[in-house]
Amino acid sequence: QVQLVESGGGLVQPGGSLRLSCAASGSIVSIFDMGWYRQAPGKQRELVATISSGGSTKSADSVKGRFTISRDNAKNTVYLQMNSLRPEDTAVYYCNANVVSHAIGYVRAYWGQGTQVTVSS
């Protein structure tokens, strides 16, 4: 079984910064794309950014120039550096990873439990 654990969320003022981390553990064979999604109250979950195993990145237009996704393959960890935060960035942020595990034997998506980010003065 594979688990994803997020950390780094919290309360920050507009214009501030936060760095989210997500570490994968378990019977992992390989990890392909990883990403961050977010869900605000009353809204559907939306893509924030993704990164391939080779380091290619994509991000939503709403966060381009402010958020940066990165990963450390040796640690099975993905990061999201968030700068110039705005109140509309307030949401629960979820980590996602596409993983091949020994238990299942084919690629499937796993999700973290979510971490709250609140941007408010």
C-alpha atoms as a PDB file:
ATOM      1  CA  GLN A   1       0.000   0.000   0.000  1.00  0.00           C
ATOM      2  CA  VAL A   2       1.094   3.581  -0.714  1.00  0.00           C
ATOM      3  CA  GLN A   3       0.545   6.608   1.505  1.00  0.00           C
ATOM      4  CA  LEU A   4       1.020  10.317   0.775  1.00  0.00           C
ATOM      5  CA  VAL A   5       1.496  12.707   3.701  1.00  0.00           C
ATOM      6  CA  GLU A   6       1.336  16.488   3.229  1.00  0.00           C
ATOM      7  CA  SER A   7       2.771  19.163   5.495  1.00  0.00           C
ATOM      8  CA  GLY A   8       3.476  22.895   5.524  1.00  0.00           C
ATOM      9  CA  GLY A   9       0.002  24.423   5.439  1.00  0.00           C
ATOM     10  CA  GLY A  10      -1.119  27.187   7.753  1.00  0.00           C
ATOM     11  CA  LEU A  11      -2.283  30.776   8.101  1.00  0.00           C
ATOM     12  CA  VAL A  12      -0.424  33.495   6.199  1.00  0.00           C
ATOM     13  CA  GLN A  13      -1.040  37.165   5.365  1.00  0.00           C
ATOM     14  CA  PRO A  14      -1.653  38.322   1.790  1.00  0.00           C
ATOM     15  CA  GLY A  15       1.663  38.659  -0.014  1.00  0.00           C
ATOM     16  CA  GLY A  16       3.281  36.040   2.182  1.00  0.00           C
ATOM     17  CA  SER A  17       4.791  32.660   1.336  1.00  0.00           C
ATOM     18  CA  LEU A  18       4.365  29.002   2.271  1.00  0.00           C
ATOM     19  CA  ARG A  19       6.139  25.828   1.208  1.00  0.00           C
ATOM     20  CA  LEU A  20       4.132  22.588   1.052  1.00  0.00           C
ATOM     21  CA  SER A  21       5.720  19.138   1.109  1.00  0.00           C
ATOM     22  CA  CYS A  22       4.302  15.706   0.265  1.00  0.00           C
ATOM     23  CA  ALA A  23       6.191  12.478   0.909  1.00  0.00           C
ATOM     24  CA  ALA A  24       5.178   9.117  -0.556  1.00  0.00           C
ATOM     25  CA  SER A  25       5.897   5.870   1.268  1.00  0.00           C
ATOM     26  CA  GLY A  26       5.045   2.179   1.003  1.00  0.00           C
ATOM     27  CA  SER A  27       5.749  -0.655  -1.424  1.00  0.00           C
ATOM     28  CA  ILE A  28       6.694   1.663  -4.276  1.00  0.00           C
ATOM     29  CA  VAL A  29       8.175   0.418  -7.527  1.00  0.00           C
ATOM     30  CA  SER A  30       8.164   3.756  -9.348  1.00  0.00           C
ATOM     31  CA  ILE A  31       6.446   7.150  -9.312  1.00  0.00           C
ATOM     32  CA  PHE A  32       5.436   8.913 -12.503  1.00  0.00           C
ATOM     33  CA  ASP A  33       3.687  12.303 -12.483  1.00  0.00           C
ATOM     34  CA  MET A  34       3.102  14.083  -9.168  1.00  0.00           C
ATOM     35  CA  GLY A  35       0.988  17.148  -8.559  1.00  0.00           C
ATOM     36  CA  TRP A  36      -0.911  19.513  -6.323  1.00  0.00           C
ATOM     37  CA  TYR A  37      -4.649  20.198  -6.398  1.00  0.00           C
ATOM     38  CA  ARG A  38      -6.776  22.457  -4.243  1.00  0.00           C
ATOM     39  CA  GLN A  39     -10.400  22.696  -3.181  1.00  0.00           C
ATOM     40  CA  ALA A  40     -12.059  25.803  -1.763  1.00  0.00           C
ATOM     41  CA  PRO A  41     -15.366  25.668   0.167  1.00  0.00           C
ATOM     42  CA  GLY A  42     -18.272  25.082  -2.203  1.00  0.00           C
ATOM     43  CA  LYS A  43     -15.952  24.550  -5.177  1.00  0.00           C
ATOM     44  CA  GLN A  44     -14.714  21.513  -7.082  1.00  0.00           C
ATOM     45  CA  ARG A  45     -11.135  20.333  -6.785  1.00  0.00           C
ATOM     46  CA  GLU A  46      -8.861  22.024  -9.340  1.00  0.00           C
ATOM     47  CA  LEU A  47      -5.365  21.451 -10.668  1.00  0.00           C
ATOM     48  CA  VAL A  48      -2.636  23.716  -9.302  1.00  0.00           C
ATOM     49  CA  ALA A  49       0.538  22.235 -10.817  1.00  0.00           C
ATOM     50  CA  THR A  50       2.061  18.945 -11.970  1.00  0.00           C
ATOM     51  CA  ILE A  51       5.589  17.648 -12.471  1.00  0.00           C
ATOM     52  CA  SER A  52       6.779  14.598 -14.394  1.00  0.00           C
ATOM     53  CA  SER A  53       9.418  12.133 -13.236  1.00  0.00           C
ATOM     54  CA  GLY A  54      11.862  13.949 -15.526  1.00  0.00           C
ATOM     55  CA  GLY A  55      11.073  17.390 -14.102  1.00  0.00           C
ATOM     56  CA  SER A  56       8.725  18.837 -16.740  1.00  0.00           C
ATOM     57  CA  THR A  57       6.147  21.126 -15.112  1.00  0.00           C
ATOM     58  CA  LYS A  58       2.693  22.519 -15.832  1.00  0.00           C
ATOM     59  CA  SER A  59       0.692  24.963 -13.755  1.00  0.00           C
ATOM     60  CA  ALA A  60      -2.676  26.677 -13.705  1.00  0.00           C
ATOM     61  CA  ASP A  61      -2.843  30.175 -15.172  1.00  0.00           C
ATOM     62  CA  SER A  62      -4.006  31.531 -11.814  1.00  0.00           C
ATOM     63  CA  VAL A  63      -0.716  30.593 -10.107  1.00  0.00           C
ATOM     64  CA  LYS A  64       1.862  31.055 -12.877  1.00  0.00           C
ATOM     65  CA  GLY A  65       4.693  33.298 -11.757  1.00  0.00           C
ATOM     66  CA  ARG A  66       3.786  32.832  -8.091  1.00  0.00           C
ATOM     67  CA  PHE A  67       3.896  29.071  -7.381  1.00  0.00           C
ATOM     68  CA  THR A  68       6.708  26.657  -8.223  1.00  0.00           C
ATOM     69  CA  ILE A  69       6.460  22.856  -8.120  1.00  0.00           C
ATOM     70  CA  SER A  70       9.538  20.675  -7.658  1.00  0.00           C
ATOM     71  CA  ARG A  71      10.415  17.131  -6.592  1.00  0.00           C
ATOM     72  CA  ASP A  72      13.172  15.082  -5.003  1.00  0.00           C
ATOM     73  CA  ASN A  73      13.024  11.610  -6.524  1.00  0.00           C
ATOM     74  CA  ALA A  74      15.460  10.164  -3.981  1.00  0.00           C
ATOM     75  CA  LYS A  75      13.041  11.157  -1.189  1.00  0.00           C
ATOM     76  CA  ASN A  76       9.808  10.396  -3.112  1.00  0.00           C
ATOM     77  CA  THR A  77       8.758  13.937  -2.243  1.00  0.00           C
ATOM     78  CA  VAL A  78       7.047  16.746  -4.150  1.00  0.00           C
ATOM     79  CA  TYR A  79       7.053  20.401  -3.063  1.00  0.00           C
ATOM     80  CA  LEU A  80       4.991  23.485  -3.795  1.00  0.00           C
ATOM     81  CA  GLN A  81       6.606  26.860  -3.123  1.00  0.00           C
ATOM     82  CA  MET A  82       3.843  29.470  -2.900  1.00  0.00           C
ATOM     83  CA  ASN A  83       4.768  33.162  -3.059  1.00  0.00           C
ATOM     84  CA  SER A  84       2.694  36.350  -3.297  1.00  0.00           C
ATOM     85  CA  LEU A  85      -0.272  34.562  -1.766  1.00  0.00           C
ATOM     86  CA  ARG A  86      -3.748  35.998  -2.236  1.00  0.00           C
ATOM     87  CA  PRO A  87      -6.980  35.433  -0.266  1.00  0.00           C
ATOM     88  CA  GLU A  88      -8.387  33.522  -3.236  1.00  0.00           C
ATOM     89  CA  ASP A  89      -5.601  30.951  -2.780  1.00  0.00           C
ATOM     90  CA  THR A  90      -7.327  29.832   0.430  1.00  0.00           C
ATOM     91  CA  ALA A  91      -8.194  26.137   0.074  1.00  0.00           C
ATOM     92  CA  VAL A  92      -7.362  22.626   1.165  1.00  0.00           C
ATOM     93  CA  TYR A  93      -4.357  21.540  -0.878  1.00  0.00           C
ATOM     94  CA  TYR A  94      -4.056  17.879  -1.893  1.00  0.00           C
ATOM     95  CA  CYS A  95      -1.009  15.994  -3.100  1.00  0.00           C
ATOM     96  CA  ASN A  96      -1.364  13.499  -5.963  1.00  0.00           C
ATOM     97  CA  ALA A  97       1.019  10.856  -7.275  1.00  0.00           C
ATOM     98  CA  ASN A  98       0.773   8.243 -10.012  1.00  0.00           C
ATOM     99  CA  VAL A  99       2.466   5.184  -8.555  1.00  0.00           C
ATOM    100  CA  VAL A 100       3.294   1.587  -9.456  1.00  0.00           C
ATOM    101  CA  SER A 101       3.328  -0.501  -6.259  1.00  0.00           C
ATOM    102  CA  HIS A 102       4.318  -4.094  -5.554  1.00  0.00           C
ATOM    103  CA  ALA A 103       0.845  -4.786  -4.160  1.00  0.00           C
ATOM    104  CA  ILE A 104      -1.078  -3.784  -7.289  1.00  0.00           C
ATOM    105  CA  GLY A 105       1.471  -4.050 -10.095  1.00  0.00           C
ATOM    106  CA  TYR A 106       0.180  -1.257 -12.337  1.00  0.00           C
ATOM    107  CA  VAL A 107       0.005   2.510 -12.201  1.00  0.00           C
ATOM    108  CA  ARG A 108      -2.764   4.173 -10.219  1.00  0.00           C
ATOM    109  CA  ALA A 109      -3.379   7.533  -8.603  1.00  0.00           C
ATOM    110  CA  TYR A 110      -2.945   8.122  -4.874  1.00  0.00           C
ATOM    111  CA  TRP A 111      -4.043  11.156  -2.862  1.00  0.00           C
ATOM    112  CA  GLY A 112      -2.902  12.751   0.362  1.00  0.00           C
ATOM    113  CA  GLN A 113      -5.244  13.730   3.187  1.00  0.00           C
ATOM    114  CA  GLY A 114      -5.012  17.457   2.427  1.00  0.00           C
ATOM    115  CA  THR A 115      -3.492  20.424   4.221  1.00  0.00           C
ATOM    116  CA  GLN A 116      -5.283  23.720   4.900  1.00  0.00           C
ATOM    117  CA  VAL A 117      -3.875  26.962   3.496  1.00  0.00           C
ATOM    118  CA  THR A 118      -5.561  30.153   4.689  1.00  0.00           C
ATOM    119  CA  VAL A 119      -4.560  33.567   3.329  1.00  0.00           C
ATOM    120  CA  SER A 120      -6.046  36.344   5.443  1.00  0.00           C
ATOM    121  CA  SER A 121      -5.116  39.592   7.155  1.00  0.00           C
END
